[in-house]
Amino acid sequence: MKNVTIPVEIPSDIMLALNESEEELKDHLQVAVAIMLFHEGKLTIGKAIQLSGLTRYEFEKSLAKSNLPVSNPSIEQVMADLETIKKL
């Protein structure tokens, strides 16, 4: 699969304030965008992990650090799971 590069302009004083290399900032931005798109429901966890460049464990750790759940089931899904468990 082909990658797409999206340029992002960052003022040089921001780069100085962050005290990070361009590569470090790129990695942080990539993870942040993956988390945001996963949280908004625009990416599945698998695709968000792929975008982040992290392992599943590292990505889930990043979600926890951001106080975001790995899954967010609806009431209907929880009730359906309860019904399935009752039948067992």
C-alpha atoms as a PDB file:
ATOM      1  CA  MET A   1       0.000   0.000   0.000  1.00  0.00           C
ATOM      2  CA  LYS A   2       1.272   3.446  -0.890  1.00  0.00           C
ATOM      3  CA  ASN A   3       1.745   6.067   1.839  1.00  0.00           C
ATOM      4  CA  VAL A   4       0.634   9.671   1.491  1.00  0.00           C
ATOM      5  CA  THR A   5       2.675  12.500   2.978  1.00  0.00           C
ATOM      6  CA  ILE A   6       0.754  15.479   4.341  1.00  0.00           C
ATOM      7  CA  PRO A   7       2.918  18.514   5.071  1.00  0.00           C
ATOM      8  CA  VAL A   8       2.183  20.380   8.305  1.00  0.00           C
ATOM      9  CA  GLU A   9       3.602  23.825   8.991  1.00  0.00           C
ATOM     10  CA  ILE A  10       4.961  24.340  12.489  1.00  0.00           C
ATOM     11  CA  PRO A  11       6.371  27.736  13.489  1.00  0.00           C
ATOM     12  CA  SER A  12      10.063  27.518  14.404  1.00  0.00           C
ATOM     13  CA  ASP A  13       9.439  29.008  17.868  1.00  0.00           C
ATOM     14  CA  ILE A  14       7.040  26.135  18.586  1.00  0.00           C
ATOM     15  CA  MET A  15       9.736  23.662  17.544  1.00  0.00           C
ATOM     16  CA  LEU A  16      12.172  25.385  19.914  1.00  0.00           C
ATOM     17  CA  ALA A  17       9.629  25.353  22.746  1.00  0.00           C
ATOM     18  CA  LEU A  18       8.970  21.641  22.215  1.00  0.00           C
ATOM     19  CA  ASN A  19      12.678  20.814  22.171  1.00  0.00           C
ATOM     20  CA  GLU A  20      11.994  17.832  19.885  1.00  0.00           C
ATOM     21  CA  SER A  21      13.404  16.790  16.569  1.00  0.00           C
ATOM     22  CA  GLU A  22      11.172  16.881  13.498  1.00  0.00           C
ATOM     23  CA  GLU A  23      11.032  13.070  13.580  1.00  0.00           C
ATOM     24  CA  GLU A  24       9.958  13.016  17.245  1.00  0.00           C
ATOM     25  CA  LEU A  25       7.244  15.603  16.590  1.00  0.00           C
ATOM     26  CA  LYS A  26       6.073  13.692  13.494  1.00  0.00           C
ATOM     27  CA  ASP A  27       5.748  10.535  15.604  1.00  0.00           C
ATOM     28  CA  HIS A  28       3.797  12.378  18.328  1.00  0.00           C
ATOM     29  CA  LEU A  29       1.471  13.973  15.793  1.00  0.00           C
ATOM     30  CA  GLN A  30       0.882  10.647  14.066  1.00  0.00           C
ATOM     31  CA  VAL A  31      -0.100   8.977  17.344  1.00  0.00           C
ATOM     32  CA  ALA A  32      -2.274  11.942  18.365  1.00  0.00           C
ATOM     33  CA  VAL A  33      -4.136  11.914  15.037  1.00  0.00           C
ATOM     34  CA  ALA A  34      -4.645   8.138  15.257  1.00  0.00           C
ATOM     35  CA  ILE A  35      -6.065   8.465  18.788  1.00  0.00           C
ATOM     36  CA  MET A  36      -8.330  11.348  17.763  1.00  0.00           C
ATOM     37  CA  LEU A  37      -9.697   9.523  14.697  1.00  0.00           C
ATOM     38  CA  PHE A  38     -10.253   6.336  16.729  1.00  0.00           C
ATOM     39  CA  HIS A  39     -12.020   8.293  19.489  1.00  0.00           C
ATOM     40  CA  GLU A  40     -14.258   9.988  16.887  1.00  0.00           C
ATOM     41  CA  GLY A  41     -15.144   6.572  15.452  1.00  0.00           C
ATOM     42  CA  LYS A  42     -13.595   7.377  12.077  1.00  0.00           C
ATOM     43  CA  LEU A  43     -11.017   4.566  12.361  1.00  0.00           C
ATOM     44  CA  THR A  44     -11.256   1.093  13.814  1.00  0.00           C
ATOM     45  CA  ILE A  45      -8.713   0.239  16.472  1.00  0.00           C
ATOM     46  CA  GLY A  46      -6.764  -1.819  13.923  1.00  0.00           C
ATOM     47  CA  LYS A  47      -6.517   1.046  11.437  1.00  0.00           C
ATOM     48  CA  ALA A  48      -5.699   3.531  14.210  1.00  0.00           C
ATOM     49  CA  ILE A  49      -2.884   1.263  15.389  1.00  0.00           C
ATOM     50  CA  GLN A  50      -1.624   1.033  11.809  1.00  0.00           C
ATOM     51  CA  LEU A  51      -1.668   4.833  11.465  1.00  0.00           C
ATOM     52  CA  SER A  52       0.021   5.355  14.838  1.00  0.00           C
ATOM     53  CA  GLY A  53       2.957   3.088  14.003  1.00  0.00           C
ATOM     54  CA  LEU A  54       2.730   1.605  17.501  1.00  0.00           C
ATOM     55  CA  THR A  55       2.131  -1.947  18.659  1.00  0.00           C
ATOM     56  CA  ARG A  56      -1.370  -2.748  19.913  1.00  0.00           C
ATOM     57  CA  TYR A  57      -0.097  -2.724  23.500  1.00  0.00           C
ATOM     58  CA  GLU A  58       1.595   0.665  23.047  1.00  0.00           C
ATOM     59  CA  PHE A  59      -1.517   2.120  21.391  1.00  0.00           C
ATOM     60  CA  GLU A  60      -3.816   0.864  24.155  1.00  0.00           C
ATOM     61  CA  LYS A  61      -1.387   2.323  26.691  1.00  0.00           C
ATOM     62  CA  SER A  62      -1.614   5.678  24.871  1.00  0.00           C
ATOM     63  CA  LEU A  63      -5.421   5.471  24.981  1.00  0.00           C
ATOM     64  CA  ALA A  64      -5.319   4.788  28.717  1.00  0.00           C
ATOM     65  CA  LYS A  65      -2.927   7.708  29.235  1.00  0.00           C
ATOM     66  CA  SER A  66      -5.497   9.891  27.433  1.00  0.00           C
ATOM     67  CA  ASN A  67      -8.305   8.430  29.593  1.00  0.00           C
ATOM     68  CA  LEU A  68      -9.981   6.917  26.521  1.00  0.00           C
ATOM     69  CA  PRO A  69     -11.552   3.446  26.486  1.00  0.00           C
ATOM     70  CA  VAL A  70     -10.338   0.746  24.101  1.00  0.00           C
ATOM     71  CA  SER A  71     -13.951  -0.030  23.309  1.00  0.00           C
ATOM     72  CA  ASN A  72     -17.128   1.908  23.815  1.00  0.00           C
ATOM     73  CA  PRO A  73     -20.031  -0.505  23.443  1.00  0.00           C
ATOM     74  CA  SER A  74     -23.549   0.786  23.107  1.00  0.00           C
ATOM     75  CA  ILE A  75     -26.255  -0.106  25.646  1.00  0.00           C
ATOM     76  CA  GLU A  76     -27.768  -2.403  23.002  1.00  0.00           C
ATOM     77  CA  GLN A  77     -24.471  -4.277  22.600  1.00  0.00           C
ATOM     78  CA  VAL A  78     -24.094  -4.692  26.365  1.00  0.00           C
ATOM     79  CA  MET A  79     -27.683  -5.930  26.716  1.00  0.00           C
ATOM     80  CA  ALA A  80     -27.221  -8.379  23.839  1.00  0.00           C
ATOM     81  CA  ASP A  81     -24.045  -9.696  25.487  1.00  0.00           C
ATOM     82  CA  LEU A  82     -25.912 -10.128  28.786  1.00  0.00           C
ATOM     83  CA  GLU A  83     -28.640 -12.096  27.038  1.00  0.00           C
ATOM     84  CA  THR A  84     -25.993 -14.313  25.423  1.00  0.00           C
ATOM     85  CA  ILE A  85     -24.342 -14.927  28.798  1.00  0.00           C
ATOM     86  CA  LYS A  86     -27.708 -15.811  30.383  1.00  0.00           C
ATOM     87  CA  LYS A  87     -28.222 -18.474  27.714  1.00  0.00           C
ATOM     88  CA  LEU A  88     -24.901 -20.167  28.538  1.00  0.00           C
END
